[in-house]
Amino acid sequence: MAQNIRIRDWLIAAAVLAGIAAGVALAAQASTDGAHVPGPAYWSDGDSGRLADGTKFRLHDVDAPETGSMNQRGGAKCEAERELGYRAKETVLSLTRGKDLAVTADYGRDRYRRLVVDLSVDGQDLATLLIAAGSHAAWDYDGGAPKPDWCASRRPARLASR
């Protein structure tokens, strides 16, 4: 009888330990799910695109000039902005081409249903790299700050002062 109790206690302890180990493994997997994007992102412009898994995203707290036509809603406000937008896209492409990206923060979805994220490339914050390169501007996207005016710096001085 004493031997049956020892075996039962051993089986209970083994089951508890196995449950703890399974819980730790699931927690570790959950904390890394979505943190690593296997493969490069597709960039539709300088600050948004699709992650390797197809998720639409937008970089948090950074803005790039628009590349869309001046005749379309949400497009560039002037031809200079479009030119800057293509340069911004090339900058983000050159920094991320062939690299795996990591989502380091997820801020939820924006009004266009894109996931607003911080991304890192080679362990460095991508938005910080883009701002330092001069192709992008810091912008409190979800805080209601006005969008940077990419045309203002390109206007002749007499027009900019109006």
N, C-alpha and C. Protein backbone atom coordinates (compact mmCIF):
# COMPACT_ATOMS: atom_id res chain seq x y z
N MET A 1 0.82 -1.18 0.00
CA MET A 1 0.00 0.00 0.00
C MET A 1 0.87 1.25 0.00
N ALA A 2 1.94 1.26 0.79
CA ALA A 2 2.83 2.41 0.85
C ALA A 2 3.49 2.64 -0.51
N GLN A 3 3.78 1.53 -1.19
CA GLN A 3 4.39 1.66 -2.52
C GLN A 3 3.41 2.29 -3.51
N ASN A 4 2.11 1.96 -3.44
CA ASN A 4 1.10 2.56 -4.30
C ASN A 4 0.99 4.06 -4.08
N ILE A 5 1.11 4.50 -2.82
CA ILE A 5 1.03 5.92 -2.50
C ILE A 5 2.24 6.65 -3.09
N ARG A 6 3.45 6.04 -2.99
CA ARG A 6 4.65 6.66 -3.55
C ARG A 6 4.55 6.80 -5.06
N ILE A 7 4.06 5.78 -5.73
CA ILE A 7 3.91 5.83 -7.19
C ILE A 7 2.90 6.89 -7.57
N ARG A 8 1.79 6.93 -6.83
CA ARG A 8 0.77 7.94 -7.10
C ARG A 8 1.34 9.34 -6.90
N ASP A 9 2.06 9.57 -5.82
CA ASP A 9 2.68 10.88 -5.55
C ASP A 9 3.68 11.23 -6.65
N TRP A 10 4.44 10.23 -7.07
CA TRP A 10 5.41 10.47 -8.14
C TRP A 10 4.69 10.85 -9.43
N LEU A 11 3.63 10.15 -9.78
CA LEU A 11 2.87 10.44 -10.99
C LEU A 11 2.23 11.84 -10.92
N ILE A 12 1.73 12.22 -9.77
CA ILE A 12 1.15 13.56 -9.61
C ILE A 12 2.23 14.61 -9.79
N ALA A 13 3.39 14.40 -9.18
CA ALA A 13 4.50 15.36 -9.30
C ALA A 13 4.95 15.46 -10.75
N ALA A 14 5.05 14.33 -11.44
CA ALA A 14 5.47 14.33 -12.85
C ALA A 14 4.44 15.07 -13.70
N ALA A 15 3.16 14.86 -13.43
CA ALA A 15 2.11 15.53 -14.20
C ALA A 15 2.15 17.04 -13.95
N VAL A 16 2.37 17.44 -12.71
CA VAL A 16 2.45 18.87 -12.39
C VAL A 16 3.65 19.50 -13.10
N LEU A 17 4.81 18.84 -13.04
CA LEU A 17 6.00 19.36 -13.71
C LEU A 17 5.81 19.43 -15.23
N ALA A 18 5.18 18.42 -15.80
CA ALA A 18 4.92 18.44 -17.24
C ALA A 18 3.98 19.58 -17.60
N GLY A 19 2.98 19.82 -16.77
CA GLY A 19 2.07 20.94 -17.00
C GLY A 19 2.78 22.28 -16.92
N ILE A 20 3.66 22.43 -15.95
CA ILE A 20 4.43 23.67 -15.82
C ILE A 20 5.32 23.86 -17.04
N ALA A 21 6.00 22.79 -17.46
CA ALA A 21 6.88 22.87 -18.62
C ALA A 21 6.09 23.24 -19.88
N ALA A 22 4.91 22.66 -20.04
CA ALA A 22 4.07 22.98 -21.20
C ALA A 22 3.63 24.44 -21.15
N GLY A 23 3.28 24.92 -19.97
CA GLY A 23 2.87 26.32 -19.82
C GLY A 23 4.00 27.28 -20.15
N VAL A 24 5.21 26.96 -19.69
CA VAL A 24 6.37 27.80 -19.99
C VAL A 24 6.64 27.80 -21.50
N ALA A 25 6.55 26.65 -22.14
CA ALA A 25 6.78 26.56 -23.58
C ALA A 25 5.74 27.37 -24.35
N LEU A 26 4.48 27.28 -23.96
CA LEU A 26 3.44 28.05 -24.63
C LEU A 26 3.62 29.55 -24.43
N ALA A 27 4.00 29.95 -23.23
CA ALA A 27 4.23 31.37 -22.95
C ALA A 27 5.40 31.89 -23.77
N ALA A 28 6.46 31.10 -23.89
CA ALA A 28 7.62 31.52 -24.68
C ALA A 28 7.24 31.66 -26.15
N GLN A 29 6.44 30.73 -26.65
CA GLN A 29 6.00 30.80 -28.04
C GLN A 29 5.10 32.00 -28.25
N ALA A 30 4.19 32.28 -27.34
CA ALA A 30 3.27 33.40 -27.47
C ALA A 30 4.02 34.73 -27.45
N SER A 31 5.08 34.82 -26.66
CA SER A 31 5.80 36.09 -26.57
C SER A 31 6.62 36.38 -27.82
N THR A 32 6.91 35.35 -28.61
CA THR A 32 7.68 35.59 -29.84
C THR A 32 6.81 35.54 -31.08
N ASP A 33 5.56 35.06 -30.99
CA ASP A 33 4.69 35.03 -32.16
C ASP A 33 4.50 36.44 -32.69
N GLY A 34 4.74 36.64 -33.98
CA GLY A 34 4.57 37.94 -34.59
C GLY A 34 5.73 38.89 -34.37
N ALA A 35 6.66 38.56 -33.49
CA ALA A 35 7.77 39.46 -33.23
C ALA A 35 8.79 39.39 -34.35
N HIS A 36 8.85 38.27 -35.03
CA HIS A 36 9.83 38.12 -36.10
C HIS A 36 9.08 37.94 -37.41
N VAL A 37 9.43 38.71 -38.37
CA VAL A 37 8.81 38.62 -39.68
C VAL A 37 9.79 37.90 -40.59
N PRO A 38 9.52 36.64 -40.93
CA PRO A 38 10.48 35.91 -41.75
C PRO A 38 10.51 36.43 -43.18
N GLY A 39 11.52 37.17 -43.49
CA GLY A 39 11.67 37.71 -44.84
C GLY A 39 11.43 39.20 -44.87
N PRO A 40 11.70 39.79 -46.00
CA PRO A 40 11.56 41.24 -46.12
C PRO A 40 10.10 41.66 -46.22
N ALA A 41 9.86 42.92 -45.95
CA ALA A 41 8.53 43.50 -46.10
C ALA A 41 8.39 44.03 -47.52
N TYR A 42 7.15 44.13 -47.98
CA TYR A 42 6.85 44.80 -49.23
C TYR A 42 6.48 46.24 -48.86
N TRP A 43 7.14 47.21 -49.45
CA TRP A 43 6.89 48.62 -49.14
C TRP A 43 6.05 49.24 -50.24
N SER A 44 4.87 49.76 -49.90
CA SER A 44 4.05 50.45 -50.89
C SER A 44 4.49 51.90 -51.01
N ASP A 45 5.04 52.45 -49.95
CA ASP A 45 5.65 53.77 -49.98
C ASP A 45 6.71 53.81 -48.87
N GLY A 46 7.10 54.98 -48.44
CA GLY A 46 8.21 55.06 -47.48
C GLY A 46 7.88 54.71 -46.05
N ASP A 47 6.59 54.61 -45.70
CA ASP A 47 6.26 54.33 -44.30
C ASP A 47 5.17 53.27 -44.12
N SER A 48 4.77 52.60 -45.19
CA SER A 48 3.74 51.57 -45.04
C SER A 48 3.90 50.49 -46.11
N GLY A 49 3.26 49.36 -45.84
CA GLY A 49 3.33 48.26 -46.78
C GLY A 49 2.70 47.01 -46.21
N ARG A 50 3.28 45.87 -46.55
CA ARG A 50 2.81 44.58 -46.05
C ARG A 50 3.99 43.81 -45.46
N LEU A 51 3.73 43.19 -44.32
CA LEU A 51 4.74 42.32 -43.72
C LEU A 51 4.80 41.02 -44.52
N ALA A 52 5.79 40.22 -44.27
CA ALA A 52 5.98 38.98 -45.03
C ALA A 52 4.77 38.06 -44.95
N ASP A 53 4.01 38.15 -43.84
CA ASP A 53 2.83 37.29 -43.71
C ASP A 53 1.59 37.90 -44.35
N GLY A 54 1.73 39.06 -45.02
CA GLY A 54 0.62 39.69 -45.70
C GLY A 54 -0.10 40.77 -44.90
N THR A 55 0.26 40.94 -43.64
CA THR A 55 -0.39 41.94 -42.79
C THR A 55 -0.04 43.35 -43.27
N LYS A 56 -1.07 44.19 -43.51
CA LYS A 56 -0.83 45.59 -43.86
C LYS A 56 -0.33 46.32 -42.62
N PHE A 57 0.68 47.19 -42.79
CA PHE A 57 1.23 47.90 -41.64
C PHE A 57 1.57 49.33 -42.00
N ARG A 58 1.78 50.12 -40.94
CA ARG A 58 2.27 51.48 -41.04
C ARG A 58 3.25 51.69 -39.91
N LEU A 59 4.40 52.33 -40.22
CA LEU A 59 5.37 52.61 -39.17
C LEU A 59 4.81 53.66 -38.21
N HIS A 60 5.10 53.46 -36.93
CA HIS A 60 4.63 54.35 -35.87
C HIS A 60 5.53 55.57 -35.75
N ASP A 61 4.92 56.73 -35.54
CA ASP A 61 5.62 57.98 -35.22
C ASP A 61 6.63 58.44 -36.26
N VAL A 62 6.38 58.13 -37.54
CA VAL A 62 7.26 58.59 -38.62
C VAL A 62 6.40 58.86 -39.85
N ASP A 63 6.82 59.82 -40.66
CA ASP A 63 6.10 60.11 -41.89
C ASP A 63 7.08 60.18 -43.05
N ALA A 64 6.62 59.72 -44.19
CA ALA A 64 7.37 59.83 -45.43
C ALA A 64 6.52 60.66 -46.39
N PRO A 65 7.15 61.38 -47.30
CA PRO A 65 6.38 62.11 -48.30
C PRO A 65 5.54 61.13 -49.13
N GLU A 66 4.42 61.61 -49.63
CA GLU A 66 3.52 60.76 -50.41
C GLU A 66 4.04 60.58 -51.83
N THR A 67 3.75 59.42 -52.40
CA THR A 67 4.14 59.13 -53.78
C THR A 67 2.95 59.13 -54.72
N GLY A 68 1.74 59.18 -54.17
CA GLY A 68 0.54 59.15 -55.00
C GLY A 68 0.37 60.43 -55.81
N SER A 69 -0.42 60.34 -56.85
CA SER A 69 -0.71 61.46 -57.73
C SER A 69 -1.32 62.62 -56.96
N MET A 70 -1.04 63.81 -57.42
CA MET A 70 -1.63 65.00 -56.80
C MET A 70 -3.13 65.06 -57.03
N ASN A 71 -3.63 64.30 -57.97
CA ASN A 71 -5.07 64.28 -58.27
C ASN A 71 -5.84 63.26 -57.44
N GLN A 72 -5.15 62.46 -56.63
CA GLN A 72 -5.87 61.44 -55.87
C GLN A 72 -5.91 61.81 -54.39
N ARG A 73 -6.95 61.36 -53.71
CA ARG A 73 -7.10 61.60 -52.28
C ARG A 73 -5.93 60.95 -51.55
N GLY A 74 -5.29 61.70 -50.67
CA GLY A 74 -4.15 61.18 -49.91
C GLY A 74 -2.86 61.19 -50.69
N GLY A 75 -2.88 61.73 -51.89
CA GLY A 75 -1.67 61.79 -52.70
C GLY A 75 -0.78 62.96 -52.31
N ALA A 76 0.28 63.12 -53.07
CA ALA A 76 1.22 64.22 -52.83
C ALA A 76 0.53 65.56 -53.03
N LYS A 77 0.99 66.57 -52.31
CA LYS A 77 0.43 67.92 -52.42
C LYS A 77 1.13 68.74 -53.50
N CYS A 78 2.33 68.32 -53.89
CA CYS A 78 3.08 69.01 -54.93
C CYS A 78 4.03 67.99 -55.58
N GLU A 79 4.55 68.33 -56.74
CA GLU A 79 5.44 67.40 -57.45
C GLU A 79 6.72 67.15 -56.65
N ALA A 80 7.20 68.16 -55.94
CA ALA A 80 8.41 67.98 -55.12
C ALA A 80 8.19 66.91 -54.05
N GLU A 81 6.97 66.87 -53.47
CA GLU A 81 6.68 65.84 -52.47
C GLU A 81 6.74 64.45 -53.09
N ARG A 82 6.21 64.30 -54.29
CA ARG A 82 6.26 62.99 -54.96
C ARG A 82 7.70 62.55 -55.17
N GLU A 83 8.55 63.47 -55.62
CA GLU A 83 9.96 63.14 -55.82
C GLU A 83 10.62 62.74 -54.51
N LEU A 84 10.34 63.49 -53.44
CA LEU A 84 10.86 63.13 -52.12
C LEU A 84 10.30 61.79 -51.66
N GLY A 85 9.05 61.53 -52.00
CA GLY A 85 8.42 60.26 -51.62
C GLY A 85 9.11 59.06 -52.26
N TYR A 86 9.48 59.20 -53.53
CA TYR A 86 10.19 58.10 -54.19
C TYR A 86 11.58 57.90 -53.59
N ARG A 87 12.23 58.99 -53.20
CA ARG A 87 13.54 58.87 -52.53
C ARG A 87 13.37 58.21 -51.16
N ALA A 88 12.30 58.57 -50.45
CA ALA A 88 12.05 57.97 -49.13
C ALA A 88 11.81 56.47 -49.27
N LYS A 89 11.06 56.08 -50.29
CA LYS A 89 10.81 54.66 -50.52
C LYS A 89 12.11 53.94 -50.84
N GLU A 90 12.95 54.55 -51.65
CA GLU A 90 14.24 53.93 -51.98
C GLU A 90 15.12 53.80 -50.73
N THR A 91 15.05 54.79 -49.85
CA THR A 91 15.83 54.72 -48.60
C THR A 91 15.37 53.54 -47.75
N VAL A 92 14.06 53.40 -47.57
CA VAL A 92 13.56 52.29 -46.75
C VAL A 92 13.86 50.96 -47.42
N LEU A 93 13.78 50.91 -48.75
CA LEU A 93 14.12 49.67 -49.46
C LEU A 93 15.60 49.32 -49.26
N SER A 94 16.47 50.31 -49.35
CA SER A 94 17.90 50.02 -49.22
C SER A 94 18.26 49.56 -47.81
N LEU A 95 17.53 50.06 -46.81
CA LEU A 95 17.81 49.65 -45.42
C LEU A 95 17.25 48.27 -45.09
N THR A 96 16.22 47.84 -45.83
CA THR A 96 15.55 46.58 -45.46
C THR A 96 15.68 45.48 -46.51
N ARG A 97 16.21 45.78 -47.67
CA ARG A 97 16.29 44.81 -48.76
C ARG A 97 17.02 43.54 -48.31
N GLY A 98 16.34 42.41 -48.44
CA GLY A 98 16.94 41.12 -48.13
C GLY A 98 17.13 40.86 -46.64
N LYS A 99 16.58 41.70 -45.80
CA LYS A 99 16.76 41.55 -44.35
C LYS A 99 15.47 41.07 -43.70
N ASP A 100 15.63 40.36 -42.60
CA ASP A 100 14.48 39.98 -41.79
C ASP A 100 14.21 41.13 -40.83
N LEU A 101 12.93 41.45 -40.67
CA LEU A 101 12.52 42.53 -39.79
C LEU A 101 11.90 41.96 -38.53
N ALA A 102 11.97 42.71 -37.45
CA ALA A 102 11.32 42.31 -36.21
C ALA A 102 10.32 43.39 -35.81
N VAL A 103 9.11 42.99 -35.48
CA VAL A 103 8.12 43.90 -34.93
C VAL A 103 8.46 44.05 -33.47
N THR A 104 8.85 45.25 -33.06
CA THR A 104 9.24 45.47 -31.65
C THR A 104 8.13 46.06 -30.82
N ALA A 105 7.12 46.64 -31.46
CA ALA A 105 5.94 47.14 -30.74
C ALA A 105 4.76 47.16 -31.70
N ASP A 106 3.58 46.87 -31.16
CA ASP A 106 2.35 46.82 -31.93
C ASP A 106 1.38 47.78 -31.25
N TYR A 107 0.92 48.80 -31.97
CA TYR A 107 0.04 49.82 -31.39
C TYR A 107 -1.41 49.63 -31.80
N GLY A 108 -1.73 48.51 -32.40
CA GLY A 108 -3.08 48.26 -32.85
C GLY A 108 -3.30 48.75 -34.26
N ARG A 109 -4.55 48.80 -34.67
CA ARG A 109 -4.89 49.16 -36.05
C ARG A 109 -5.26 50.64 -36.15
N ASP A 110 -4.93 51.23 -37.31
CA ASP A 110 -5.30 52.61 -37.56
C ASP A 110 -6.63 52.66 -38.30
N ARG A 111 -7.06 53.86 -38.68
CA ARG A 111 -8.37 54.01 -39.33
C ARG A 111 -8.45 53.32 -40.68
N TYR A 112 -7.30 52.98 -41.26
CA TYR A 112 -7.28 52.25 -42.54
C TYR A 112 -7.10 50.75 -42.33
N ARG A 113 -7.20 50.31 -41.08
CA ARG A 113 -7.08 48.89 -40.68
C ARG A 113 -5.66 48.34 -40.84
N ARG A 114 -4.67 49.24 -40.92
CA ARG A 114 -3.28 48.80 -40.96
C ARG A 114 -2.78 48.65 -39.53
N LEU A 115 -1.92 47.69 -39.31
CA LEU A 115 -1.29 47.52 -38.02
C LEU A 115 -0.20 48.58 -37.87
N VAL A 116 -0.24 49.37 -36.82
CA VAL A 116 0.76 50.41 -36.59
C VAL A 116 1.85 49.78 -35.72
N VAL A 117 3.08 49.79 -36.23
CA VAL A 117 4.15 49.04 -35.57
C VAL A 117 5.47 49.82 -35.53
N ASP A 118 6.33 49.39 -34.62
CA ASP A 118 7.74 49.74 -34.66
C ASP A 118 8.44 48.52 -35.25
N LEU A 119 9.36 48.74 -36.16
CA LEU A 119 10.14 47.66 -36.76
C LEU A 119 11.61 47.87 -36.47
N SER A 120 12.32 46.77 -36.33
CA SER A 120 13.78 46.89 -36.23
C SER A 120 14.40 46.06 -37.34
N VAL A 121 15.55 46.52 -37.79
CA VAL A 121 16.34 45.84 -38.79
C VAL A 121 17.75 45.77 -38.25
N ASP A 122 18.31 44.57 -38.21
CA ASP A 122 19.64 44.36 -37.63
C ASP A 122 19.74 44.92 -36.22
N GLY A 123 18.64 44.82 -35.46
CA GLY A 123 18.63 45.27 -34.06
C GLY A 123 18.48 46.76 -33.87
N GLN A 124 18.29 47.53 -34.94
CA GLN A 124 18.14 48.98 -34.83
C GLN A 124 16.74 49.39 -35.23
N ASP A 125 16.20 50.40 -34.54
CA ASP A 125 14.87 50.89 -34.83
C ASP A 125 14.84 51.51 -36.22
N LEU A 126 13.97 51.02 -37.07
CA LEU A 126 13.92 51.46 -38.46
C LEU A 126 13.51 52.93 -38.57
N ALA A 127 12.51 53.37 -37.82
CA ALA A 127 12.07 54.77 -37.91
C ALA A 127 13.20 55.72 -37.55
N THR A 128 13.96 55.39 -36.53
CA THR A 128 15.10 56.22 -36.12
C THR A 128 16.12 56.32 -37.24
N LEU A 129 16.39 55.20 -37.90
CA LEU A 129 17.34 55.19 -39.02
C LEU A 129 16.84 56.06 -40.17
N LEU A 130 15.54 55.98 -40.45
CA LEU A 130 14.97 56.74 -41.57
C LEU A 130 14.99 58.25 -41.28
N ILE A 131 14.68 58.63 -40.06
CA ILE A 131 14.70 60.04 -39.68
C ILE A 131 16.13 60.57 -39.75
N ALA A 132 17.07 59.76 -39.25
CA ALA A 132 18.48 60.17 -39.29
C ALA A 132 18.99 60.31 -40.72
N ALA A 133 18.45 59.51 -41.63
CA ALA A 133 18.85 59.59 -43.04
C ALA A 133 18.30 60.85 -43.71
N GLY A 134 17.31 61.50 -43.08
CA GLY A 134 16.75 62.72 -43.62
C GLY A 134 15.63 62.52 -44.62
N SER A 135 15.27 61.28 -44.89
CA SER A 135 14.22 60.99 -45.87
C SER A 135 12.83 60.97 -45.26
N HIS A 136 12.74 60.90 -43.94
CA HIS A 136 11.49 60.80 -43.21
C HIS A 136 11.49 61.84 -42.09
N ALA A 137 10.31 62.10 -41.55
CA ALA A 137 10.19 63.05 -40.45
C ALA A 137 9.47 62.39 -39.28
N ALA A 138 9.84 62.79 -38.07
CA ALA A 138 9.12 62.33 -36.88
C ALA A 138 7.71 62.91 -36.96
N TRP A 139 6.71 62.08 -36.63
CA TRP A 139 5.32 62.53 -36.67
C TRP A 139 4.51 61.73 -35.68
N ASP A 140 3.83 62.42 -34.79
CA ASP A 140 2.95 61.77 -33.82
C ASP A 140 1.66 61.39 -34.54
N TYR A 141 1.74 60.34 -35.32
CA TYR A 141 0.68 59.89 -36.21
C TYR A 141 -0.65 59.70 -35.49
N ASP A 142 -0.63 59.01 -34.36
CA ASP A 142 -1.88 58.71 -33.68
C ASP A 142 -2.21 59.71 -32.58
N GLY A 143 -1.39 60.75 -32.44
CA GLY A 143 -1.64 61.75 -31.41
C GLY A 143 -2.29 63.01 -31.93
N GLY A 144 -2.64 63.03 -33.21
CA GLY A 144 -3.35 64.17 -33.76
C GLY A 144 -2.47 65.30 -34.24
N ALA A 145 -1.16 65.12 -34.27
CA ALA A 145 -0.26 66.17 -34.76
C ALA A 145 -0.49 66.38 -36.25
N PRO A 146 -0.33 67.62 -36.73
CA PRO A 146 -0.49 67.84 -38.17
C PRO A 146 0.60 67.11 -38.95
N LYS A 147 0.23 66.63 -40.11
CA LYS A 147 1.17 65.91 -40.98
C LYS A 147 2.25 66.88 -41.45
N PRO A 148 3.50 66.44 -41.51
CA PRO A 148 4.55 67.32 -42.02
C PRO A 148 4.21 67.84 -43.42
N ASP A 149 4.54 69.09 -43.67
CA ASP A 149 4.29 69.70 -44.98
C ASP A 149 5.55 69.56 -45.81
N TRP A 150 5.56 68.56 -46.67
CA TRP A 150 6.74 68.26 -47.49
C TRP A 150 6.92 69.27 -48.61
N CYS A 151 5.91 70.06 -48.89
CA CYS A 151 6.01 71.05 -49.97
C CYS A 151 6.54 72.39 -49.46
N ALA A 152 6.36 72.69 -48.18
CA ALA A 152 6.72 74.00 -47.63
C ALA A 152 8.18 74.33 -47.87
N SER A 153 9.06 73.39 -47.66
CA SER A 153 10.49 73.67 -47.80
C SER A 153 10.90 73.80 -49.26
N ARG A 154 10.02 73.44 -50.19
CA ARG A 154 10.33 73.49 -51.61
C ARG A 154 9.75 74.72 -52.30
N ARG A 155 8.93 75.52 -51.57
CA ARG A 155 8.31 76.70 -52.16
C ARG A 155 9.28 77.87 -52.16
N PRO A 156 9.17 78.74 -53.13
CA PRO A 156 9.98 79.96 -53.08
C PRO A 156 9.65 80.75 -51.82
N ALA A 157 10.60 81.46 -51.27
CA ALA A 157 10.45 82.17 -50.00
C ALA A 157 9.22 83.09 -50.01
N ARG A 158 8.95 83.79 -51.10
CA ARG A 158 7.84 84.72 -51.11
C ARG A 158 6.49 83.99 -51.01
N LEU A 159 6.41 82.74 -51.50
CA LEU A 159 5.16 81.98 -51.38
C LEU A 159 5.03 81.33 -50.02
N ALA A 160 6.13 80.90 -49.46
CA ALA A 160 6.09 80.21 -48.17
C ALA A 160 5.65 81.15 -47.06
N SER A 161 5.88 82.46 -47.20
CA SER A 161 5.56 83.39 -46.13
C SER A 161 4.09 83.77 -46.10
N ARG A 162 3.33 83.42 -47.11
CA ARG A 162 1.89 83.77 -47.15
C ARG A 162 1.07 82.99 -46.21
